[in-house]
Amino acid sequence: MQTESAASSDTLLPQAELTALLATYKVAGVSIAVLTPDGAGDASITTQAAGMATKTEAVYDSTLFQICSLSKPIAAVYALEYFEKAGIPMAKTGNS
């Protein structure tokens, strides 16, 4: 898996636009990672960071954020899509 930073290439968002979005939505800082599969079983990761992690420290692509229970709804959406594609109903049917 290859990793590239968007700081030099601005492949995700122009830094000024990202900074403006942070100000508009009153978000202190953000770290973004986009996984792009190459179709051959590998992928590259493009990262970008902006804003402040604390009052004195900037956000970097390696900054860790606590996202609490965000993995639960992501897992639920994945499960729903998986079972739908596999033809397995998620709703209970019949009288049992």
Protein backbone atom coordinates (compact mmCIF):
# COMPACT_ATOMS: atom_id res chain seq x y z
CA MET A 1 0.00 0.00 0.00
CA GLN A 2 1.41 3.35 -1.01
CA THR A 3 0.98 6.53 0.99
CA GLU A 4 1.21 10.02 -0.42
CA SER A 5 0.62 13.35 1.25
CA ALA A 6 -1.72 15.86 -0.31
CA ALA A 7 0.22 18.75 1.18
CA SER A 8 2.40 19.03 -1.91
CA SER A 9 -0.05 17.96 -4.63
CA ASP A 10 -3.39 19.20 -3.22
CA THR A 11 -5.14 16.17 -4.73
CA LEU A 12 -8.01 16.19 -2.23
CA LEU A 13 -8.89 19.85 -1.64
CA PRO A 14 -6.91 23.05 -2.07
CA GLN A 15 -5.57 23.91 1.39
CA ALA A 16 -7.25 27.35 1.36
CA GLU A 17 -10.63 25.75 0.61
CA LEU A 18 -10.19 23.22 3.41
CA THR A 19 -9.20 25.98 5.85
CA ALA A 20 -12.27 27.98 4.80
CA LEU A 21 -14.53 24.95 5.41
CA LEU A 22 -13.08 24.56 8.91
CA ALA A 23 -13.88 28.19 9.65
CA THR A 24 -17.39 27.98 8.15
CA TYR A 25 -18.35 24.93 10.19
CA LYS A 26 -16.35 25.96 13.30
CA VAL A 27 -14.20 22.82 13.27
CA ALA A 28 -10.80 23.11 14.97
CA GLY A 29 -8.97 20.56 12.83
CA VAL A 30 -9.35 17.65 10.47
CA SER A 31 -7.31 14.78 9.11
CA ILE A 32 -8.54 13.14 5.91
CA ALA A 33 -7.48 9.82 4.41
CA VAL A 34 -8.81 8.52 1.09
CA LEU A 35 -8.16 4.93 0.06
CA THR A 36 -8.02 4.42 -3.72
CA PRO A 37 -8.00 0.78 -4.91
CA ASP A 38 -5.90 0.13 -8.02
CA GLY A 39 -8.01 -2.80 -9.23
CA ALA A 40 -5.18 -5.30 -8.78
CA GLY A 41 -5.69 -5.89 -5.05
CA ASP A 42 -3.54 -2.98 -3.86
CA ALA A 43 -4.41 0.61 -3.05
CA SER A 44 -2.91 3.99 -2.36
CA ILE A 45 -3.79 6.29 0.50
CA THR A 46 -3.89 10.05 0.01
CA THR A 47 -3.88 12.14 3.18
CA GLN A 48 -4.47 15.76 4.01
CA ALA A 49 -4.63 17.63 7.31
CA ALA A 50 -5.57 21.14 8.37
CA GLY A 51 -6.32 23.13 11.49
CA MET A 52 -5.32 22.69 15.09
CA ALA A 53 -5.34 19.55 17.25
CA THR A 54 -4.88 21.60 20.43
CA LYS A 55 -4.45 25.30 21.11
CA THR A 56 -0.72 25.00 20.41
CA GLU A 57 -0.34 21.99 18.10
CA ALA A 58 -1.32 21.70 14.44
CA VAL A 59 -3.09 18.68 12.95
CA TYR A 60 -0.86 16.34 10.92
CA ASP A 61 -1.86 13.29 8.88
CA SER A 62 -0.54 11.21 11.79
CA THR A 63 -2.68 13.01 14.43
CA LEU A 64 -4.97 10.59 16.26
CA PHE A 65 -8.57 11.64 16.81
CA GLN A 66 -10.96 9.89 19.19
CA ILE A 67 -14.03 9.03 17.14
CA CYS A 68 -15.91 7.22 19.91
CA SER A 69 -18.49 4.81 18.55
CA LEU A 70 -18.30 5.84 14.91
CA SER A 71 -17.34 2.30 13.90
CA LYS A 72 -20.76 0.93 14.91
CA PRO A 73 -22.86 2.77 12.30
CA ILE A 74 -20.18 2.12 9.67
CA ALA A 75 -20.29 -1.61 10.45
CA ALA A 76 -24.12 -1.58 10.40
CA VAL A 77 -24.23 0.07 6.95
CA TYR A 78 -21.67 -2.41 5.65
CA ALA A 79 -23.71 -5.33 7.04
CA LEU A 80 -26.94 -4.04 5.49
CA GLU A 81 -25.30 -3.64 2.07
CA TYR A 82 -23.59 -7.03 2.32
CA PHE A 83 -26.77 -8.93 3.20
CA GLU A 84 -28.80 -7.05 0.57
CA LYS A 85 -26.29 -7.97 -2.17
CA ALA A 86 -26.25 -11.57 -0.93
CA GLY A 87 -30.07 -11.74 -1.08
CA ILE A 88 -30.44 -12.34 2.66
CA PRO A 89 -33.43 -10.48 4.13
CA MET A 90 -32.71 -8.48 7.27
CA ALA A 91 -36.36 -8.31 8.35
CA LYS A 92 -37.93 -11.25 10.16
CA THR A 93 -40.56 -12.93 8.01
CA GLY A 94 -43.27 -15.44 8.86
CA ASN A 95 -44.75 -16.27 12.28
CA SER A 96 -41.69 -17.83 13.89
